[in-house]
C-alpha atoms as a PDB file:
ATOM      1  CA  MET A   1     -15.028  -1.053  14.429  1.00  0.00           C
ATOM      2  CA  ARG A   2     -15.370   0.062  11.127  1.00  0.00           C
ATOM      3  CA  LYS A   3     -17.863   2.817  12.469  1.00  0.00           C
ATOM      4  CA  LEU A   4     -15.294   4.250  14.829  1.00  0.00           C
ATOM      5  CA  ALA A   5     -12.714   4.238  12.128  1.00  0.00           C
ATOM      6  CA  LEU A   6     -14.486   6.087   9.790  1.00  0.00           C
ATOM      7  CA  ARG A   7     -15.316   8.556  12.632  1.00  0.00           C
ATOM      8  CA  ILE A   8     -11.755   9.278  13.605  1.00  0.00           C
ATOM      9  CA  ILE A   9     -10.691   9.486   9.799  1.00  0.00           C
ATOM     10  CA  ASP A  10     -13.733  12.202   8.855  1.00  0.00           C
ATOM     11  CA  PHE A  11     -12.944  14.263  11.838  1.00  0.00           C
ATOM     12  CA  PHE A  12      -9.781  15.249  10.034  1.00  0.00           C
ATOM     13  CA  TYR A  13     -11.704  15.855   6.667  1.00  0.00           C
ATOM     14  CA  PRO A  14     -13.058  19.388   7.193  1.00  0.00           C
ATOM     15  CA  PRO A  15      -9.605  21.162   6.347  1.00  0.00           C
ATOM     16  CA  PHE A  16      -9.015  18.976   3.165  1.00  0.00           C
ATOM     17  CA  LYS A  17     -12.672  19.189   1.900  1.00  0.00           C
ATOM     18  CA  ASN A  18     -11.580  21.839  -0.849  1.00  0.00           C
ATOM     19  CA  TRP A  19      -9.085  19.626  -2.186  1.00  0.00           C
ATOM     20  CA  PHE A  20     -10.295  16.046  -1.967  1.00  0.00           C
ATOM     21  CA  SER A  21     -13.585  14.176  -1.714  1.00  0.00           C
ATOM     22  CA  ILE A  22     -14.330  12.257   1.217  1.00  0.00           C
ATOM     23  CA  HIS A  23     -13.899   9.064  -0.429  1.00  0.00           C
ATOM     24  CA  THR A  24     -10.361  10.085  -1.605  1.00  0.00           C
ATOM     25  CA  PHE A  25      -9.558  11.361   1.814  1.00  0.00           C
ATOM     26  CA  ARG A  26     -10.380   8.144   3.226  1.00  0.00           C
ATOM     27  CA  TYR A  27      -8.039   6.273   0.721  1.00  0.00           C
ATOM     28  CA  MET A  28      -5.019   8.459   1.509  1.00  0.00           C
ATOM     29  CA  ALA A  29      -5.844   8.043   5.339  1.00  0.00           C
ATOM     30  CA  SER A  30      -5.972   4.284   4.948  1.00  0.00           C
ATOM     31  CA  GLY A  31      -2.707   4.291   2.774  1.00  0.00           C
ATOM     32  CA  GLY A  32      -0.969   6.781   5.607  1.00  0.00           C
ATOM     33  CA  PHE A  33      -1.898   4.136   8.092  1.00  0.00           C
ATOM     34  CA  THR A  34      -0.616   1.294   6.133  1.00  0.00           C
ATOM     35  CA  ALA A  35       2.809   2.901   5.338  1.00  0.00           C
ATOM     36  CA  ALA A  36       3.201   3.761   8.991  1.00  0.00           C
ATOM     37  CA  SER A  37       2.128   0.471  10.359  1.00  0.00           C
ATOM     38  CA  GLY A  38       4.207  -0.970   7.665  1.00  0.00           C
ATOM     39  CA  ILE A  39       7.524   1.273   9.123  1.00  0.00           C
ATOM     40  CA  VAL A  40       6.703   0.087  12.524  1.00  0.00           C
ATOM     41  CA  ALA A  41       6.329  -3.692  11.480  1.00  0.00           C
ATOM     42  CA  TYR A  42       9.865  -3.573  10.011  1.00  0.00           C
ATOM     43  CA  PHE A  43      11.065  -2.076  12.778  1.00  0.00           C
ATOM     44  CA  ILE A  44       9.710  -4.705  15.110  1.00  0.00           C
ATOM     45  CA  ILE A  45      10.555  -7.724  12.848  1.00  0.00           C
ATOM     46  CA  TYR A  46      14.170  -6.524  11.860  1.00  0.00           C
ATOM     47  CA  ASN A  47      14.760  -5.752  15.628  1.00  0.00           C
ATOM     48  CA  TYR A  48      12.850  -7.871  17.804  1.00  0.00           C
ATOM     49  CA  ILE A  49      11.850 -11.026  15.884  1.00  0.00           C
ATOM     50  CA  LEU A  50      15.179 -11.526  13.726  1.00  0.00           C
ATOM     51  CA  GLN A  51      17.350  -9.365  16.141  1.00  0.00           C
ATOM     52  CA  GLN A  52      19.007  -8.210  13.067  1.00  0.00           C
ATOM     53  CA  LYS A  53      20.483 -11.779  12.153  1.00  0.00           C
ATOM     54  CA  ASP A  54      20.445 -13.037   8.673  1.00  0.00           C
ATOM     55  CA  VAL A  55      18.031 -15.958   7.902  1.00  0.00           C
ATOM     56  CA  HIS A  56      19.488 -19.333   6.258  1.00  0.00           C
ATOM     57  CA  LEU A  57      16.870 -21.018   4.130  1.00  0.00           C
ATOM     58  CA  ASN A  58      17.316 -24.380   2.064  1.00  0.00           C
ATOM     59  CA  GLY A  59      20.937 -23.451   1.984  1.00  0.00           C
ATOM     60  CA  TYR A  60      20.219 -19.879   0.654  1.00  0.00           C
ATOM     61  CA  LEU A  61      21.252 -16.756   2.628  1.00  0.00           C
ATOM     62  CA  VAL A  62      18.714 -14.053   3.397  1.00  0.00           C
ATOM     63  CA  THR A  63      19.789 -10.814   4.923  1.00  0.00           C
ATOM     64  CA  ALA A  64      17.897  -9.544   7.838  1.00  0.00           C
ATOM     65  CA  PRO A  65      16.881  -6.406   6.068  1.00  0.00           C
ATOM     66  CA  ILE A  66      15.453  -8.115   3.320  1.00  0.00           C
ATOM     67  CA  ALA A  67      13.873 -10.939   5.426  1.00  0.00           C
ATOM     68  CA  ALA A  68      12.610  -8.171   7.548  1.00  0.00           C
ATOM     69  CA  LEU A  69      10.781  -6.390   4.093  1.00  0.00           C
ATOM     70  CA  ALA A  70       9.335  -9.717   2.986  1.00  0.00           C
ATOM     71  CA  LEU A  71       7.657 -10.179   6.377  1.00  0.00           C
ATOM     72  CA  GLU A  72       6.513  -6.569   6.637  1.00  0.00           C
ATOM     73  CA  SER A  73       5.386  -6.921   2.901  1.00  0.00           C
ATOM     74  CA  VAL A  74       2.850  -9.587   4.016  1.00  0.00           C
ATOM     75  CA  PHE A  75       1.444  -7.889   7.031  1.00  0.00           C
ATOM     76  CA  THR A  76       1.196  -4.592   5.133  1.00  0.00           C
ATOM     77  CA  PHE A  77      -0.584  -6.404   2.420  1.00  0.00           C
ATOM     78  CA  VAL A  78      -3.189  -7.637   4.704  1.00  0.00           C
ATOM     79  CA  VAL A  79      -3.501  -4.093   6.392  1.00  0.00           C
ATOM     80  CA  GLY A  80      -4.033  -2.716   3.089  1.00  0.00           C
ATOM     81  CA  PHE A  81      -6.411  -5.075   1.463  1.00  0.00           C
ATOM     82  CA  MET A  82      -8.660  -4.745   4.825  1.00  0.00           C
ATOM     83  CA  LEU A  83      -8.833  -1.125   5.040  1.00  0.00           C
ATOM     84  CA  ASN A  84      -9.403  -0.642   1.470  1.00  0.00           C
ATOM     85  CA  LYS A  85     -12.098  -3.372   1.428  1.00  0.00           C
ATOM     86  CA  TYR A  86     -13.895  -2.439   4.502  1.00  0.00           C
ATOM     87  CA  LEU A  87     -13.266   1.506   4.959  1.00  0.00           C
ATOM     88  CA  VAL A  88     -12.685   2.833   1.713  1.00  0.00           C
ATOM     89  CA  PHE A  89     -14.681   0.636  -1.325  1.00  0.00           C
ATOM     90  CA  THR A  90     -17.209  -0.557   0.624  1.00  0.00           C
ATOM     91  CA  GLN A  91     -19.709  -0.253  -2.448  1.00  0.00           C
ATOM     92  CA  SER A  92     -18.129  -3.043  -4.286  1.00  0.00           C
ATOM     93  CA  ASP A  93     -20.068  -6.204  -5.140  1.00  0.00           C
ATOM     94  CA  LEU A  94     -17.263  -8.260  -6.173  1.00  0.00           C
ATOM     95  CA  LYS A  95     -16.436 -11.355  -4.137  1.00  0.00           C
ATOM     96  CA  GLY A  96     -13.901 -11.181  -1.458  1.00  0.00           C
ATOM     97  CA  ARG A  97     -11.469 -13.446  -3.195  1.00  0.00           C
ATOM     98  CA  ILE A  98     -11.705 -11.754  -6.369  1.00  0.00           C
ATOM     99  CA  GLN A  99     -11.087  -8.394  -4.685  1.00  0.00           C
ATOM    100  CA  LEU A 100      -8.126 -10.077  -3.278  1.00  0.00           C
ATOM    101  CA  PHE A 101      -6.496 -11.504  -6.116  1.00  0.00           C
ATOM    102  CA  ARG A 102      -7.320  -7.981  -7.928  1.00  0.00           C
ATOM    103  CA  TYR A 103      -5.612  -6.081  -5.116  1.00  0.00           C
ATOM    104  CA  GLY A 104      -2.729  -8.577  -5.159  1.00  0.00           C
ATOM    105  CA  THR A 105      -2.135  -7.845  -8.940  1.00  0.00           C
ATOM    106  CA  VAL A 106      -1.938  -4.023  -8.263  1.00  0.00           C
ATOM    107  CA  VAL A 107       0.381  -4.512  -5.610  1.00  0.00           C
ATOM    108  CA  CYS A 108       2.547  -6.544  -7.485  1.00  0.00           C
ATOM    109  CA  THR A 109       2.179  -4.166 -10.695  1.00  0.00           C
ATOM    110  CA  ASN A 110       3.192  -1.070  -8.372  1.00  0.00           C
ATOM    111  CA  ILE A 111       6.458  -3.401  -7.246  1.00  0.00           C
ATOM    112  CA  LEU A 112       7.467  -3.827 -10.641  1.00  0.00           C
ATOM    113  CA  LEU A 113       6.472  -0.464 -11.666  1.00  0.00           C
ATOM    114  CA  ASN A 114       8.511   1.296  -8.910  1.00  0.00           C
ATOM    115  CA  TYR A 115      11.693  -0.790  -9.495  1.00  0.00           C
ATOM    116  CA  ALA A 116      11.289   0.021 -13.244  1.00  0.00           C
ATOM    117  CA  LEU A 117      11.029   3.562 -12.851  1.00  0.00           C
ATOM    118  CA  MET A 118      13.425   3.872 -10.153  1.00  0.00           C
ATOM    119  CA  LYS A 119      15.885   2.409 -12.681  1.00  0.00           C
ATOM    120  CA  ILE A 120      15.097   4.538 -15.407  1.00  0.00           C
ATOM    121  CA  LEU A 121      15.210   7.683 -13.538  1.00  0.00           C
ATOM    122  CA  VAL A 122      18.188   6.895 -11.416  1.00  0.00           C
ATOM    123  CA  GLU A 123      20.216   5.157 -13.719  1.00  0.00           C
ATOM    124  CA  GLY A 124      18.944   6.173 -17.278  1.00  0.00           C
ATOM    125  CA  PHE A 125      18.021   9.865 -16.438  1.00  0.00           C
ATOM    126  CA  GLN A 126      20.700  10.311 -13.627  1.00  0.00           C
ATOM    127  CA  PHE A 127      17.940  11.957 -11.248  1.00  0.00           C
ATOM    128  CA  TYR A 128      18.590  12.107  -7.763  1.00  0.00           C
ATOM    129  CA  PRO A 129      16.997   8.793  -5.882  1.00  0.00           C
ATOM    130  CA  SER A 130      15.325  10.723  -3.239  1.00  0.00           C
ATOM    131  CA  ILE A 131      13.390  12.844  -5.714  1.00  0.00           C
ATOM    132  CA  SER A 132      12.985   9.987  -8.001  1.00  0.00           C
ATOM    133  CA  LYS A 133      11.157   8.097  -5.307  1.00  0.00           C
ATOM    134  CA  ALA A 134       9.189  11.160  -3.993  1.00  0.00           C
ATOM    135  CA  PHE A 135       7.983  11.560  -7.498  1.00  0.00           C
ATOM    136  CA  ILE A 136       6.940   7.600  -8.168  1.00  0.00           C
ATOM    137  CA  THR A 137       5.424   7.473  -4.856  1.00  0.00           C
ATOM    138  CA  ILE A 138       3.125   9.951  -5.998  1.00  0.00           C
ATOM    139  CA  LEU A 139       2.871   8.701  -9.250  1.00  0.00           C
ATOM    140  CA  LEU A 140       1.795   5.473  -8.229  1.00  0.00           C
ATOM    141  CA  ALA A 141      -0.329   6.291  -5.450  1.00  0.00           C
ATOM    142  CA  VAL A 142      -2.448   7.997  -8.045  1.00  0.00           C
ATOM    143  CA  PHE A 143      -2.335   4.751 -10.126  1.00  0.00           C
ATOM    144  CA  SER A 144      -3.207   2.635  -7.163  1.00  0.00           C
ATOM    145  CA  TYR A 145      -6.041   4.653  -6.406  1.00  0.00           C
ATOM    146  CA  PHE A 146      -7.708   4.542  -9.785  1.00  0.00           C
ATOM    147  CA  SER A 147      -6.745   0.811 -10.075  1.00  0.00           C
ATOM    148  CA  GLN A 148      -8.304  -0.250  -7.020  1.00  0.00           C
ATOM    149  CA  LYS A 149     -11.511   1.831  -7.448  1.00  0.00           C
ATOM    150  CA  TYR A 150     -12.170   0.669 -10.939  1.00  0.00           C
ATOM    151  CA  PHE A 151     -10.530  -2.737 -10.918  1.00  0.00           C
ATOM    152  CA  SER A 152      -9.783  -4.226  -7.561  1.00  0.00           C
ATOM    153  CA  PHE A 153     -13.152  -3.072  -5.980  1.00  0.00           C
ATOM    154  CA  ARG A 154     -15.150  -2.249  -8.872  1.00  0.00           C
ATOM    155  CA  VAL A 155     -18.610  -1.687  -8.412  1.00  0.00           C
ATOM    156  CA  LYS A 156     -21.049  -2.875 -11.139  1.00  0.00           C
ATOM    157  CA  LYS A 157     -23.015  -0.562 -13.104  1.00  0.00           C
ATOM    158  CA  LYS A 158     -26.579  -1.219 -12.653  1.00  0.00           C
ATOM    159  CA  ILE A 159     -28.888  -1.098 -15.810  1.00  0.00           C
END
């Protein structure tokens, strides 16, 4: 399965080889697949599982869009971790549970940075939300790549 996925990704690599390394391209492809599958999962969860109805949990109301987002986030967390672990950062010699914890740390950091930067750019500097979101997405994608490469899926230096 891994070899098939890599063959599919690598098939589309040649037009981009002047701009990105194969490793970076695989990371971008995996991230794109994770994002696309998240959108599909959100649609299915919101429309078919929750049937666009709010959820009541222990006396608290969770609106259907937020409940779908929470469930979709769990799904994309798992998909993203698996793709990064088994397709992109395969050279890491860290234990899987350590990789999972570190991956989760980076994801949580991205959520907080995304929120904080949106508040700063949109409310503080009065930038357009769509432009701010695009800028933040690019910034956090670069941050995530290096965080995953040098933290979550680090390869120990051989002496």
